[in-house]
């Protein structure tokens, strides 16, 4: 039989002060990779996500800027428009590309700064709703903060992906490759397809993204305290986005 834990508060019911305080950002990052179940249990007690979200946005911007600095953007856009609008004449194509280069540069940066947090807040709302209808604990209900934990913290799994992508952008020629085509953790890096639908599917089969899906399930189970079907539904939401992207890719 285990011995009661000694502390200033007494024996058996003494609170674990270390585990009842907020995690430092580095503790949070290491916990996601080394002990995710325990980390999300602690986040269920004290939800935190702001620092992690800012970190993800920062690394995402660095990756985007590195790609923009190295990609042949006019040729990349030309290839994109040729696939999407094959009826454009050469002169029309030149005009569209010229008009779109600056817009693409601005929208890529703006998407990282504003689009990512907007999407996080929306997905967090969906996860919160799933938690409310599938919570295992009848005496406890998740808050929107818990939904944001599930939306943000598993994304820390993609930080190595973004660091690797930034490195690859500078050590290898980028040419007309998309950002997801230059990271060797994805199937798209090894098996490139001219079929846009297959290309989108291959790019989504990535080691870091697969780990992220596993973390979403764990986060839903232990931070939202969702039932197994609720946690599976939380994973299904981003997978649905992957399917839609593949189906409508051009």
Protein backbone atom coordinates (compact mmCIF):
# COMPACT_ATOMS: atom_id res chain seq x y z
CA UNK A 1 0.00 0.00 0.00
CA UNK A 2 1.39 3.42 -0.96
CA UNK A 3 2.51 5.71 1.82
CA UNK A 4 0.75 9.08 2.28
CA UNK A 5 2.68 11.99 0.82
CA UNK A 6 4.29 14.30 3.36
CA UNK A 7 4.13 18.08 2.95
CA UNK A 8 3.61 21.28 4.87
CA UNK A 9 -0.12 20.69 4.48
CA UNK A 10 -0.16 17.28 6.12
CA UNK A 11 -0.18 13.80 4.69
CA UNK A 12 -2.72 12.11 2.43
CA UNK A 13 -4.64 15.06 1.01
CA UNK A 14 -1.77 17.50 0.51
CA UNK A 15 -2.05 19.34 -2.80
CA UNK A 16 0.74 18.96 -5.33
CA UNK A 17 1.76 22.60 -5.64
CA UNK A 18 3.99 21.97 -8.65
CA UNK A 19 1.15 20.37 -10.59
CA UNK A 20 -1.40 22.99 -9.54
CA UNK A 21 0.44 25.96 -11.02
CA UNK A 22 0.49 27.14 -14.62
CA UNK A 23 3.01 25.59 -16.94
CA UNK A 24 5.89 27.65 -18.27
CA UNK A 25 5.93 27.79 -22.07
CA UNK A 26 8.99 25.54 -22.33
CA UNK A 27 7.38 23.08 -19.88
CA UNK A 28 4.28 23.11 -22.04
CA UNK A 29 6.24 22.41 -25.22
CA UNK A 30 8.29 19.60 -23.67
CA UNK A 31 5.19 18.16 -22.01
CA UNK A 32 3.34 17.94 -25.32
CA UNK A 33 6.10 15.75 -26.72
CA UNK A 34 7.13 13.80 -23.60
CA UNK A 35 3.98 13.35 -21.47
CA UNK A 36 0.91 14.67 -23.33
CA UNK A 37 -1.69 12.94 -21.15
CA UNK A 38 -0.38 14.50 -17.94
CA UNK A 39 0.07 17.86 -19.68
CA UNK A 40 -3.53 17.99 -20.88
CA UNK A 41 -4.80 16.87 -17.46
CA UNK A 42 -3.06 19.89 -15.97
CA UNK A 43 -4.44 22.14 -18.72
CA UNK A 44 -7.92 20.92 -17.88
CA UNK A 45 -7.47 22.36 -14.39
CA UNK A 46 -5.85 25.60 -15.56
CA UNK A 47 -6.34 26.24 -19.31
CA UNK A 48 -3.58 28.21 -21.01
CA UNK A 49 -3.00 28.78 -24.71
CA UNK A 50 -2.01 32.40 -25.44
CA UNK A 51 1.78 31.92 -25.31
CA UNK A 52 1.57 28.77 -27.44
CA UNK A 53 -0.60 30.54 -30.02
CA UNK A 54 1.83 33.47 -30.29
CA UNK A 55 4.72 31.03 -30.70
CA UNK A 56 2.90 29.15 -33.48
CA UNK A 57 2.06 32.40 -35.28
CA UNK A 58 5.68 33.59 -35.00
CA UNK A 59 7.20 30.39 -36.38
CA UNK A 60 4.54 30.26 -39.11
CA UNK A 61 5.45 33.80 -40.19
CA UNK A 62 9.16 32.97 -40.25
CA UNK A 63 8.44 29.95 -42.47
CA UNK A 64 6.20 32.00 -44.79
CA UNK A 65 8.75 34.80 -45.13
CA UNK A 66 11.54 32.29 -45.82
CA UNK A 67 9.42 30.69 -48.56
CA UNK A 68 8.49 34.06 -50.09
CA UNK A 69 12.14 35.08 -50.10
CA UNK A 70 13.21 31.97 -52.01
CA UNK A 71 10.30 30.99 -54.26
CA UNK A 72 10.05 32.07 -57.90
CA UNK A 73 6.72 33.72 -57.17
CA UNK A 74 5.81 34.94 -60.69
CA UNK A 75 6.42 31.47 -62.14
CA UNK A 76 4.64 29.83 -59.21
CA UNK A 77 1.58 32.01 -59.82
CA UNK A 78 1.76 31.43 -63.56
CA UNK A 79 1.61 27.66 -63.05
CA UNK A 80 -1.25 28.06 -60.58
CA UNK A 81 -3.35 30.21 -62.94
CA UNK A 82 -2.60 27.96 -65.92
CA UNK A 83 -4.12 25.02 -64.04
CA UNK A 84 -7.08 26.96 -62.66
CA UNK A 85 -7.88 29.00 -65.79
CA UNK A 86 -6.52 27.19 -68.86
CA UNK A 87 -8.43 29.47 -71.26
CA UNK A 88 -6.38 32.58 -70.44
CA UNK A 89 -4.21 33.88 -73.26
CA UNK A 90 -0.50 34.53 -72.75
CA UNK A 91 -1.03 38.29 -72.45
CA UNK A 92 -3.91 37.86 -70.00
CA UNK A 93 -1.83 35.44 -67.96
CA UNK A 94 1.04 37.95 -67.76
CA UNK A 95 -1.35 40.68 -66.57
CA UNK A 96 -2.91 38.47 -63.92
CA UNK A 97 0.47 37.31 -62.63
CA UNK A 98 1.85 40.84 -62.49
CA UNK A 99 -1.21 42.07 -60.59
CA UNK A 100 -1.17 39.15 -58.16
CA UNK A 101 2.48 39.00 -57.07
CA UNK A 102 2.24 41.83 -54.53
CA UNK A 103 -1.20 40.71 -53.35
CA UNK A 104 0.13 37.20 -52.74
CA UNK A 105 3.05 38.51 -50.70
CA UNK A 106 0.78 40.67 -48.54
CA UNK A 107 -1.95 38.02 -48.15
CA UNK A 108 0.57 35.34 -47.15
CA UNK A 109 1.89 37.53 -44.30
CA UNK A 110 -1.59 38.77 -43.33
CA UNK A 111 -2.91 35.21 -43.32
CA UNK A 112 -0.24 34.23 -40.81
CA UNK A 113 -0.86 37.27 -38.62
CA UNK A 114 -4.65 37.41 -38.70
CA UNK A 115 -6.01 34.35 -40.49
CA UNK A 116 -4.38 31.83 -38.15
CA UNK A 117 -5.80 33.31 -34.90
CA UNK A 118 -9.25 33.77 -36.45
CA UNK A 119 -9.28 30.12 -37.50
CA UNK A 120 -8.05 29.05 -34.05
CA UNK A 121 -10.85 30.96 -32.32
CA UNK A 122 -13.43 29.42 -34.65
CA UNK A 123 -12.11 25.86 -34.27
CA UNK A 124 -11.88 26.39 -30.52
CA UNK A 125 -15.59 27.25 -30.52
CA UNK A 126 -16.39 24.00 -32.34
CA UNK A 127 -14.26 21.97 -29.93
CA UNK A 128 -15.98 23.65 -26.98
CA UNK A 129 -19.37 22.67 -28.42
CA UNK A 130 -18.19 19.07 -28.83
CA UNK A 131 -16.95 19.10 -25.23
CA UNK A 132 -20.28 20.36 -23.94
CA UNK A 133 -22.28 17.59 -25.62
CA UNK A 134 -19.83 14.75 -24.96
CA UNK A 135 -18.38 15.51 -21.53
CA UNK A 136 -17.81 12.39 -19.41
CA UNK A 137 -18.01 14.25 -16.09
CA UNK A 138 -21.63 15.05 -15.27
CA UNK A 139 -20.57 17.55 -12.58
CA UNK A 140 -18.09 19.47 -14.76
CA UNK A 141 -18.44 21.45 -17.95
CA UNK A 142 -15.65 22.73 -20.19
CA UNK A 143 -15.29 26.43 -20.92
CA UNK A 144 -14.37 28.12 -24.18
CA UNK A 145 -10.84 28.26 -22.78
CA UNK A 146 -10.74 24.45 -22.83
CA UNK A 147 -11.85 24.47 -26.46
CA UNK A 148 -8.98 26.82 -27.25
CA UNK A 149 -6.56 24.50 -25.48
CA UNK A 150 -7.56 21.73 -27.90
CA UNK A 151 -7.36 24.13 -30.86
CA UNK A 152 -3.93 25.54 -29.96
CA UNK A 153 -1.74 23.21 -27.92
CA UNK A 154 -1.69 20.24 -30.37
CA UNK A 155 -0.42 22.68 -33.01
CA UNK A 156 2.85 22.82 -31.09
CA UNK A 157 3.56 19.51 -32.84
CA UNK A 158 3.97 21.52 -36.07
CA UNK A 159 6.69 23.82 -34.69
CA UNK A 160 9.46 21.38 -35.77
CA UNK A 161 7.74 21.20 -39.17
CA UNK A 162 7.94 24.98 -39.56
CA UNK A 163 11.55 25.10 -38.37
CA UNK A 164 12.47 22.33 -40.79
CA UNK A 165 10.64 24.11 -43.62
CA UNK A 166 12.47 27.36 -42.89
CA UNK A 167 15.80 25.54 -42.96
CA UNK A 168 14.94 23.71 -46.20
CA UNK A 169 13.90 26.99 -47.86
CA UNK A 170 17.42 28.32 -47.43
CA UNK A 171 19.52 25.21 -48.05
CA UNK A 172 17.66 23.89 -51.12
CA UNK A 173 16.32 25.59 -54.26
CA UNK A 174 12.60 26.29 -53.83
CA UNK A 175 11.76 27.07 -57.44
CA UNK A 176 7.98 26.84 -57.82
CA UNK A 177 7.33 24.47 -54.93
CA UNK A 178 4.61 25.22 -52.39
CA UNK A 179 5.69 25.49 -48.72
CA UNK A 180 4.36 22.00 -47.98
CA UNK A 181 6.39 20.55 -50.86
CA UNK A 182 9.78 21.49 -49.42
CA UNK A 183 9.47 19.78 -46.02
CA UNK A 184 10.80 16.18 -46.07
CA UNK A 185 8.38 14.98 -43.39
CA UNK A 186 5.48 14.91 -45.89
CA UNK A 187 4.68 12.30 -48.51
CA UNK A 188 4.44 15.10 -51.09
CA UNK A 189 8.19 15.74 -50.72
CA UNK A 190 8.96 12.18 -51.81
CA UNK A 191 6.11 11.43 -54.23
CA UNK A 192 5.19 14.51 -56.25
CA UNK A 193 2.13 14.30 -58.47
CA UNK A 194 0.91 16.46 -61.35
CA UNK A 195 -2.64 15.70 -60.22
CA UNK A 196 -3.58 18.61 -57.89
CA UNK A 197 -5.97 16.46 -55.86
CA UNK A 198 -3.35 13.80 -55.23
CA UNK A 199 -0.77 16.49 -54.51
CA UNK A 200 -3.03 18.03 -51.84
CA UNK A 201 -3.65 14.59 -50.35
CA UNK A 202 0.06 13.69 -50.28
CA UNK A 203 0.96 16.99 -48.62
CA UNK A 204 -1.49 16.26 -45.79
CA UNK A 205 0.18 12.93 -45.01
CA UNK A 206 2.90 14.36 -42.83
CA UNK A 207 4.55 12.92 -39.71
CA UNK A 208 4.10 16.10 -37.69
CA UNK A 209 0.47 16.52 -38.76
CA UNK A 210 -0.30 12.91 -37.89
CA UNK A 211 1.20 13.51 -34.45
CA UNK A 212 -0.96 16.63 -34.18
CA UNK A 213 -4.11 14.56 -34.82
CA UNK A 214 -3.08 12.18 -32.03
CA UNK A 215 -2.59 15.15 -29.70
CA UNK A 216 -6.03 16.54 -30.59
CA UNK A 217 -7.56 13.23 -29.51
CA UNK A 218 -5.60 13.23 -26.23
CA UNK A 219 -6.41 16.90 -25.60
CA UNK A 220 -10.12 16.29 -26.16
CA UNK A 221 -10.08 13.28 -23.83
CA UNK A 222 -8.18 14.91 -20.97
CA UNK A 223 -8.58 18.69 -21.30
CA UNK A 224 -12.20 18.71 -22.53
CA UNK A 225 -12.92 15.41 -20.70
CA UNK A 226 -14.84 14.33 -23.79
CA UNK A 227 -16.06 10.80 -24.36
CA UNK A 228 -14.19 8.73 -26.91
CA UNK A 229 -16.67 9.55 -29.68
CA UNK A 230 -16.35 13.26 -28.87
CA UNK A 231 -12.56 13.10 -29.03
CA UNK A 232 -12.81 11.25 -32.35
CA UNK A 233 -15.15 13.97 -33.64
CA UNK A 234 -12.58 16.62 -32.69
CA UNK A 235 -10.02 14.78 -34.82
CA UNK A 236 -12.53 14.40 -37.66
CA UNK A 237 -13.01 18.18 -37.97
CA UNK A 238 -9.48 18.95 -39.28
CA UNK A 239 -9.53 15.74 -41.32
CA UNK A 240 -12.69 17.01 -43.01
CA UNK A 241 -10.76 20.12 -44.00
CA UNK A 242 -8.06 17.93 -45.56
CA UNK A 243 -10.68 16.00 -47.56
CA UNK A 244 -12.36 19.20 -48.80
CA UNK A 245 -9.01 20.68 -49.79
CA UNK A 246 -8.10 17.55 -51.76
CA UNK A 247 -11.49 17.34 -53.48
CA UNK A 248 -11.49 20.96 -54.64
CA UNK A 249 -7.78 21.31 -55.44
CA UNK A 250 -7.03 22.61 -58.96
